[in-house]
Amino acid sequence: MEVILKEDVADLGFRGEVVKVADGYARNYLLPRKLAMQATAANKAVIEQMKVAAARRSASEKSQAEELLAKLEPLVLSFTRKAGEAGHLFGSVTSADIAAELAAQGHEVDRRKIQLGDPIKGVGDFKVAIRLHREVTARVTVKVRAEATDEEKHAAAAAPPPAEAAEESPAAE
């Protein structure tokens, strides 16, 4: 079956292209999600108008994506998670976590645009790609730190800060 794509579809094509796909894929996936429409003679005439509008829309989306790129590139997202002794996280940092942290900092990014192959399951610094547009990809630094254990928290609370220890020494004389 031939369909005209209304949106970019990964591994298939871009908006406005006429592609040939299996009947079931078109009926069960592309058409219900309004990602494509059947390639009839009438629709092919309409597609020319859609291409002109899509070119304008793509240009404006690209400029917006480049503006967002300038804001996202310097960002450093920090996460604190429970971790084992070897630095392996008990949980993980997912694209949804990254999207939530970006939203908390005032940048709305759809979690599906965050290109994180597998969730982050270790402590360290990671570069995560965010595909803002077909031609614009931002790279954000994600720092994952281990949460202090109860023993470390108690040790830190019991030990006086170094500045206070220095002040108490002259007063004792």
Protein backbone atom coordinates (compact mmCIF):
# COMPACT_ATOMS: atom_id res chain seq x y z
CA MET A 1 0.00 0.00 0.00
CA GLU A 2 1.23 3.48 -0.79
CA VAL A 3 0.84 6.15 1.88
CA ILE A 4 1.77 9.79 2.23
CA LEU A 5 3.55 10.54 5.49
CA LYS A 6 2.07 13.38 7.55
CA GLU A 7 4.92 13.28 10.11
CA ASP A 8 8.52 12.07 10.16
CA VAL A 9 8.60 8.34 10.94
CA ALA A 10 11.88 6.76 12.04
CA ASP A 11 13.32 4.24 9.56
CA LEU A 12 10.54 4.99 7.07
CA GLY A 13 10.68 8.55 5.77
CA PHE A 14 10.03 12.21 6.28
CA ARG A 15 6.88 14.32 6.25
CA GLY A 16 5.37 14.63 2.75
CA GLU A 17 7.04 11.57 1.23
CA VAL A 18 5.09 8.86 -0.61
CA VAL A 19 6.26 5.48 0.66
CA LYS A 20 5.21 1.91 0.03
CA VAL A 21 4.48 -0.09 3.20
CA ALA A 22 2.78 -3.35 4.12
CA ASP A 23 -1.01 -3.14 4.29
CA GLY A 24 -1.13 -4.20 7.94
CA TYR A 25 1.51 -1.64 8.98
CA ALA A 26 -0.49 1.13 7.32
CA ARG A 27 -3.90 0.01 8.64
CA ASN A 28 -2.81 -0.86 12.18
CA TYR A 29 -0.11 1.70 12.91
CA LEU A 30 0.30 4.62 10.51
CA LEU A 31 -3.32 5.48 9.71
CA PRO A 32 -4.82 5.21 13.25
CA ARG A 33 -2.03 7.38 14.67
CA LYS A 34 -2.56 9.92 11.87
CA LEU A 35 1.08 9.59 10.83
CA ALA A 36 0.08 8.94 7.22
CA MET A 37 -2.83 8.98 4.76
CA GLN A 38 -3.58 6.82 1.75
CA ALA A 39 -1.90 7.91 -1.46
CA THR A 40 -4.92 8.55 -3.69
CA ALA A 41 -4.99 10.93 -6.66
CA ALA A 42 -6.79 13.58 -4.60
CA ASN A 43 -4.39 13.21 -1.69
CA LYS A 44 -1.39 13.47 -4.02
CA ALA A 45 -2.67 16.88 -5.18
CA VAL A 46 -3.09 17.96 -1.57
CA ILE A 47 0.41 16.76 -0.75
CA GLU A 48 1.97 19.46 -2.91
CA GLN A 49 0.32 22.12 -0.75
CA MET A 50 1.39 20.22 2.35
CA LYS A 51 5.03 20.19 1.16
CA VAL A 52 5.11 23.98 0.88
CA ALA A 53 3.57 24.37 4.34
CA ALA A 54 5.86 21.71 5.73
CA ALA A 55 8.93 23.51 4.39
CA ARG A 56 7.86 26.72 6.15
CA ARG A 57 7.01 24.84 9.35
CA SER A 58 10.30 22.93 9.26
CA ALA A 59 12.27 26.16 8.90
CA SER A 60 10.54 27.72 11.91
CA GLU A 61 10.90 24.50 13.96
CA LYS A 62 14.61 24.40 13.11
CA SER A 63 15.15 27.98 14.26
CA GLN A 64 13.28 27.24 17.52
CA ALA A 65 15.36 24.08 17.98
CA GLU A 66 18.58 26.05 17.48
CA GLU A 67 17.48 28.56 20.13
CA LEU A 68 16.73 25.72 22.54
CA LEU A 69 20.08 24.13 21.63
CA ALA A 70 21.90 27.26 22.84
CA LYS A 71 20.06 27.02 26.19
CA LEU A 72 20.50 23.25 26.67
CA GLU A 73 24.18 22.80 25.72
CA PRO A 74 25.63 24.44 28.87
CA LEU A 75 23.20 22.63 31.21
CA VAL A 76 24.45 20.03 33.69
CA LEU A 77 21.77 17.79 35.17
CA SER A 78 22.59 16.18 38.52
CA PHE A 79 20.95 13.07 39.93
CA THR A 80 21.59 11.39 43.28
CA ARG A 81 20.66 7.73 43.50
CA LYS A 82 21.36 4.85 45.87
CA ALA A 83 24.33 2.88 44.66
CA GLY A 84 26.33 -0.16 45.61
CA GLU A 85 30.01 -0.13 46.52
CA ALA A 86 31.08 -0.66 42.90
CA GLY A 87 29.10 2.40 41.75
CA HIS A 88 26.26 0.36 40.25
CA LEU A 89 22.90 2.05 40.85
CA PHE A 90 20.08 0.17 42.58
CA GLY A 91 17.67 2.01 40.29
CA SER A 92 18.48 3.87 37.09
CA VAL A 93 18.24 7.27 35.44
CA THR A 94 15.83 7.12 32.50
CA SER A 95 14.83 9.50 29.74
CA ALA A 96 11.69 10.32 31.76
CA ASP A 97 13.89 11.38 34.71
CA ILE A 98 15.97 13.59 32.41
CA ALA A 99 12.83 15.13 30.86
CA ALA A 100 11.43 15.83 34.34
CA GLU A 101 14.66 17.51 35.44
CA LEU A 102 14.71 19.62 32.25
CA ALA A 103 11.09 20.62 32.91
CA ALA A 104 12.02 21.59 36.49
CA GLN A 105 14.66 23.90 35.02
CA GLY A 106 12.12 25.43 32.63
CA HIS A 107 12.87 23.53 29.41
CA GLU A 108 9.99 21.42 28.08
CA VAL A 109 11.44 18.50 26.10
CA ASP A 110 9.47 15.40 25.12
CA ARG A 111 11.09 12.32 26.68
CA ARG A 112 10.93 10.53 23.32
CA LYS A 113 13.39 13.07 21.89
CA ILE A 114 15.98 12.11 24.49
CA GLN A 115 18.18 9.52 22.83
CA LEU A 116 19.20 7.28 25.68
CA GLY A 117 19.77 3.75 24.39
CA ASP A 118 19.62 2.11 27.80
CA PRO A 119 18.88 3.71 31.17
CA ILE A 120 21.95 4.96 33.03
CA LYS A 121 22.78 2.37 35.69
CA GLY A 122 26.11 3.61 36.98
CA VAL A 123 27.69 6.54 38.80
CA GLY A 124 29.57 9.07 36.66
CA ASP A 125 29.25 11.78 34.04
CA PHE A 126 27.40 11.05 30.81
CA LYS A 127 26.66 12.97 27.61
CA VAL A 128 23.06 12.48 26.53
CA ALA A 129 21.82 13.43 23.05
CA ILE A 130 18.49 15.21 22.66
CA ARG A 131 17.18 15.32 19.10
CA LEU A 132 15.38 18.65 18.91
CA HIS A 133 14.92 18.62 15.13
CA ARG A 134 15.91 16.42 12.22
CA GLU A 135 19.09 18.49 11.81
CA VAL A 136 19.61 19.77 15.40
CA THR A 137 20.85 17.59 18.26
CA ALA A 138 21.79 18.94 21.69
CA ARG A 139 24.19 17.19 24.06
CA VAL A 140 23.48 17.59 27.76
CA THR A 141 25.79 16.51 30.57
CA VAL A 142 24.17 14.22 33.14
CA LYS A 143 26.01 13.70 36.43
CA VAL A 144 24.94 10.72 38.50
CA ARG A 145 26.21 10.63 42.08
CA ALA A 146 25.86 8.00 44.77
CA GLU A 147 23.62 8.88 47.69
CA ALA A 148 25.46 9.01 51.02
CA THR A 149 24.87 5.89 53.09
CA ASP A 150 23.49 6.09 56.63
CA GLU A 151 26.97 5.42 58.06
CA GLU A 152 28.47 8.30 56.07
CA LYS A 153 25.63 10.62 57.15
CA HIS A 154 26.18 9.75 60.84
CA ALA A 155 29.95 10.21 60.53
CA ALA A 156 29.48 13.62 58.88
CA ALA A 157 26.99 14.71 61.56
CA ALA A 158 29.24 13.56 64.44
CA ALA A 159 32.39 15.28 63.19
CA PRO A 160 32.42 19.04 63.77
CA PRO A 161 33.11 21.19 60.73
CA PRO A 162 36.80 22.19 60.45
CA ALA A 163 36.03 25.93 60.84
CA GLU A 164 34.37 25.40 64.24
CA ALA A 165 37.26 23.24 65.49
CA ALA A 166 39.74 26.03 64.69
CA GLU A 167 37.60 28.62 66.55
CA GLU A 168 37.32 26.47 69.69
CA SER A 169 41.11 25.98 70.06
CA PRO A 170 42.02 29.63 70.90
CA ALA A 171 39.04 29.97 73.27
CA ALA A 172 40.26 26.99 75.33
CA GLU A 173 43.58 28.75 76.15
